[in-house]
């Protein structure tokens, strides 16, 4: 991936992503279960790398939108969805993001990838959908405190899955590549929460865990 020679912007984006959070603005994690912070392990290492990629993608988006005279197809593809979503508010905005990204990515087995890499490839698994929606939600103006990526166990299909959760109107709404509908976390009764990922790190759910 081509490196952007804009170190000042790197600092700006990094500081913005690591900005202090405030308890009054930070709801408890979705699915109503107690979570415990993880400080090491494979998932922590993976998410640390992905958080770095989120920072880099935010930098790339800012650079392409504000400074670049050359076309940036992955950025344009993602930001078109974001700008269209911004014509709505609240649940309608999130519904637009969920539906649009569901339709623009072809479901195939894949690895952990950043949002812009997913836009470039045009395919991926639930991890790709979730990270793309996470970044799109942040670009659409959702607070860092109000966005999470959640690993769940889909009891109906007997497999692990990943979704994006956004806190809106005092409730967690789930953006899921398996459905165009936005449901509250409490309505996803087939989903057993395993771990939650956000800008602060990784937390496991006390009631369910995996090796």
Protein backbone atom coordinates (compact mmCIF):
# COMPACT_ATOMS: atom_id res chain seq x y z
CA UNK A 1 0.00 0.00 0.00
CA UNK A 2 1.38 3.41 -0.99
CA UNK A 3 2.59 5.55 1.90
CA UNK A 4 1.25 9.09 2.18
CA UNK A 5 3.86 11.72 2.95
CA UNK A 6 1.73 13.84 5.25
CA UNK A 7 3.14 13.33 8.78
CA UNK A 8 1.26 16.29 10.25
CA UNK A 9 -2.04 14.68 9.33
CA UNK A 10 -0.90 11.43 10.90
CA UNK A 11 -0.53 13.23 14.21
CA UNK A 12 -3.90 14.95 13.85
CA UNK A 13 -5.77 11.74 13.09
CA UNK A 14 -3.95 9.74 15.76
CA UNK A 15 -4.68 12.33 18.42
CA UNK A 16 -8.33 12.47 17.35
CA UNK A 17 -8.71 8.70 17.54
CA UNK A 18 -7.04 8.55 20.94
CA UNK A 19 -8.96 11.49 22.39
CA UNK A 20 -10.05 11.03 26.02
CA UNK A 21 -13.50 9.63 26.60
CA UNK A 22 -16.05 10.79 29.11
CA UNK A 23 -18.10 8.42 31.26
CA UNK A 24 -21.33 10.37 30.74
CA UNK A 25 -20.98 9.95 26.98
CA UNK A 26 -19.93 6.29 27.01
CA UNK A 27 -22.67 3.67 27.32
CA UNK A 28 -22.08 0.16 28.59
CA UNK A 29 -21.21 -2.45 25.97
CA UNK A 30 -24.04 -3.92 23.86
CA UNK A 31 -25.91 -7.14 24.63
CA UNK A 32 -26.27 -6.18 28.29
CA UNK A 33 -23.51 -8.39 29.62
CA UNK A 34 -20.54 -7.50 31.78
CA UNK A 35 -17.23 -7.26 29.90
CA UNK A 36 -13.65 -7.67 31.10
CA UNK A 37 -10.69 -5.92 29.49
CA UNK A 38 -8.14 -8.10 27.70
CA UNK A 39 -4.51 -7.01 27.64
CA UNK A 40 -2.89 -9.79 25.63
CA UNK A 41 -3.64 -12.74 23.37
CA UNK A 42 -4.18 -13.27 19.63
CA UNK A 43 -7.36 -11.19 19.40
CA UNK A 44 -5.70 -8.23 21.15
CA UNK A 45 -2.80 -8.34 18.67
CA UNK A 46 -5.15 -8.60 15.69
CA UNK A 47 -7.29 -5.68 16.85
CA UNK A 48 -4.26 -3.52 17.61
CA UNK A 49 -3.18 -3.96 14.00
CA UNK A 50 -6.71 -3.23 12.75
CA UNK A 51 -6.95 -0.09 14.90
CA UNK A 52 -3.74 1.11 13.27
CA UNK A 53 -5.33 0.39 9.89
CA UNK A 54 -8.44 2.35 10.89
CA UNK A 55 -6.18 5.31 11.69
CA UNK A 56 -4.41 4.99 8.38
CA UNK A 57 -7.71 4.68 6.50
CA UNK A 58 -9.02 7.81 8.23
CA UNK A 59 -5.85 9.61 7.19
CA UNK A 60 -6.19 8.40 3.63
CA UNK A 61 -9.82 9.48 3.47
CA UNK A 62 -8.96 12.95 4.78
CA UNK A 63 -6.04 13.31 2.39
CA UNK A 64 -8.02 12.15 -0.66
CA UNK A 65 -11.06 14.29 0.13
CA UNK A 66 -9.20 17.49 1.02
CA UNK A 67 -5.89 17.44 -0.83
CA UNK A 68 -5.50 14.82 -3.54
CA UNK A 69 -5.87 15.79 -7.19
CA UNK A 70 -5.68 12.14 -8.19
CA UNK A 71 -8.67 9.77 -8.05
CA UNK A 72 -8.97 7.61 -4.93
CA UNK A 73 -11.47 4.89 -5.94
CA UNK A 74 -11.74 3.07 -2.56
CA UNK A 75 -12.21 6.37 -0.72
CA UNK A 76 -14.75 7.61 -3.25
CA UNK A 77 -16.68 4.36 -2.99
CA UNK A 78 -16.90 4.51 0.81
CA UNK A 79 -17.55 8.24 1.05
CA UNK A 80 -20.37 8.07 -1.50
CA UNK A 81 -22.20 5.78 0.92
CA UNK A 82 -21.36 8.05 3.86
CA UNK A 83 -22.54 11.22 2.08
CA UNK A 84 -25.79 9.56 1.04
CA UNK A 85 -26.31 8.34 4.61
CA UNK A 86 -25.77 11.86 5.95
CA UNK A 87 -28.94 12.94 4.16
CA UNK A 88 -30.71 11.03 6.94
CA UNK A 89 -30.47 11.11 10.71
CA UNK A 90 -30.47 8.59 13.53
CA UNK A 91 -31.74 5.13 12.71
CA UNK A 92 -32.33 6.03 9.05
CA UNK A 93 -28.68 7.03 8.66
CA UNK A 94 -27.52 3.73 10.16
CA UNK A 95 -30.00 1.77 8.07
CA UNK A 96 -28.61 3.35 4.92
CA UNK A 97 -25.04 2.46 5.90
CA UNK A 98 -26.02 -1.11 6.72
CA UNK A 99 -27.97 -1.72 3.53
CA UNK A 100 -25.52 0.02 1.19
CA UNK A 101 -22.45 -1.79 2.50
CA UNK A 102 -24.31 -5.10 2.52
CA UNK A 103 -25.07 -4.61 -1.17
CA UNK A 104 -21.63 -3.43 -2.27
CA UNK A 105 -19.58 -6.30 -0.77
CA UNK A 106 -19.69 -9.82 -2.17
CA UNK A 107 -19.65 -12.41 0.64
CA UNK A 108 -16.59 -14.64 0.40
CA UNK A 109 -14.24 -16.14 3.02
CA UNK A 110 -11.60 -13.60 3.98
CA UNK A 111 -9.09 -12.27 6.47
CA UNK A 112 -9.15 -9.21 8.71
CA UNK A 113 -9.00 -6.22 6.35
CA UNK A 114 -9.32 -2.48 6.68
CA UNK A 115 -12.32 -0.63 5.26
CA UNK A 116 -10.54 0.79 2.22
CA UNK A 117 -8.99 -2.55 1.34
CA UNK A 118 -12.49 -4.05 1.45
CA UNK A 119 -13.73 -1.27 -0.83
CA UNK A 120 -10.90 -2.05 -3.24
CA UNK A 121 -11.54 -5.79 -3.24
CA UNK A 122 -15.32 -5.57 -3.23
CA UNK A 123 -15.60 -8.77 -1.25
CA UNK A 124 -15.01 -10.25 2.20
CA UNK A 125 -16.62 -12.03 5.11
CA UNK A 126 -18.45 -10.69 8.16
CA UNK A 127 -15.20 -9.17 9.47
CA UNK A 128 -14.84 -7.06 6.33
CA UNK A 129 -18.47 -5.89 6.47
CA UNK A 130 -18.16 -5.00 10.15
CA UNK A 131 -14.92 -3.02 9.90
CA UNK A 132 -16.21 -1.16 6.83
CA UNK A 133 -19.41 -0.23 8.70
CA UNK A 134 -17.44 0.79 11.77
CA UNK A 135 -15.29 3.20 9.75
CA UNK A 136 -18.28 4.44 7.74
CA UNK A 137 -20.21 5.16 10.94
CA UNK A 138 -17.30 7.19 12.33
CA UNK A 139 -16.98 9.11 9.05
CA UNK A 140 -20.72 9.80 9.16
CA UNK A 141 -20.28 11.51 12.53
CA UNK A 142 -20.95 8.75 15.05
CA UNK A 143 -18.97 9.26 18.26
CA UNK A 144 -16.10 6.89 18.99
CA UNK A 145 -17.87 6.13 22.26
CA UNK A 146 -20.99 5.02 20.43
CA UNK A 147 -19.51 2.50 17.98
CA UNK A 148 -18.35 -1.05 18.64
CA UNK A 149 -17.42 -4.15 16.69
CA UNK A 150 -18.78 -7.28 18.36
CA UNK A 151 -17.86 -10.94 17.91
CA UNK A 152 -20.84 -13.17 18.60
CA UNK A 153 -21.68 -16.84 18.40
CA UNK A 154 -24.63 -17.45 16.12
CA UNK A 155 -26.41 -20.22 17.97
CA UNK A 156 -28.83 -20.86 15.12
CA UNK A 157 -26.09 -21.54 12.58
CA UNK A 158 -23.53 -22.87 15.08
CA UNK A 159 -20.80 -20.48 13.97
CA UNK A 160 -18.98 -17.36 15.11
CA UNK A 161 -19.95 -14.09 13.49
CA UNK A 162 -19.10 -10.39 13.63
CA UNK A 163 -21.38 -7.35 13.61
CA UNK A 164 -21.18 -3.61 14.16
CA UNK A 165 -23.10 -2.02 17.02
CA UNK A 166 -24.00 1.69 17.15
CA UNK A 167 -25.62 3.42 20.11
CA UNK A 168 -28.55 5.50 18.93
CA UNK A 169 -31.43 6.97 20.94
CA UNK A 170 -30.40 5.16 24.14
CA UNK A 171 -30.22 1.74 22.51
CA UNK A 172 -27.70 -0.41 20.67
CA UNK A 173 -28.61 -1.07 17.04
CA UNK A 174 -26.92 -3.96 15.23
CA UNK A 175 -25.59 -3.53 11.69
CA UNK A 176 -25.40 -7.06 10.32
CA UNK A 177 -24.46 -8.37 6.89
CA UNK A 178 -26.99 -11.21 7.32
CA UNK A 179 -29.96 -8.83 7.26
CA UNK A 180 -31.00 -5.42 5.97
CA UNK A 181 -33.06 -4.85 9.13
CA UNK A 182 -31.70 -2.88 12.06
CA UNK A 183 -32.53 -4.67 15.28
CA UNK A 184 -31.74 -3.82 18.87
CA UNK A 185 -29.14 -5.97 20.60
CA UNK A 186 -31.88 -7.35 22.86
CA UNK A 187 -33.74 -8.63 19.79
CA UNK A 188 -30.76 -10.66 18.53
CA UNK A 189 -31.58 -13.61 20.75
CA UNK A 190 -29.63 -16.11 18.65
CA UNK A 191 -26.42 -14.13 19.20
CA UNK A 192 -24.27 -14.98 22.20
CA UNK A 193 -21.74 -12.12 22.66
CA UNK A 194 -18.11 -13.20 22.88
CA UNK A 195 -15.92 -10.09 22.59
CA UNK A 196 -16.26 -6.40 21.86
CA UNK A 197 -13.70 -4.22 20.08
CA UNK A 198 -13.45 -0.45 19.91
CA UNK A 199 -10.99 2.44 20.09
CA UNK A 200 -10.19 1.64 23.73
CA UNK A 201 -9.19 -1.98 23.09
CA UNK A 202 -10.65 -5.48 23.46
CA UNK A 203 -13.02 -6.78 26.09
CA UNK A 204 -14.43 -10.27 26.54
CA UNK A 205 -17.89 -11.02 27.79
CA UNK A 206 -17.84 -12.62 31.21
CA UNK A 207 -20.67 -15.03 30.37
CA UNK A 208 -19.13 -16.47 27.20
CA UNK A 209 -15.62 -16.93 25.94
CA UNK A 210 -13.65 -18.89 23.36
CA UNK A 211 -10.12 -20.21 23.04
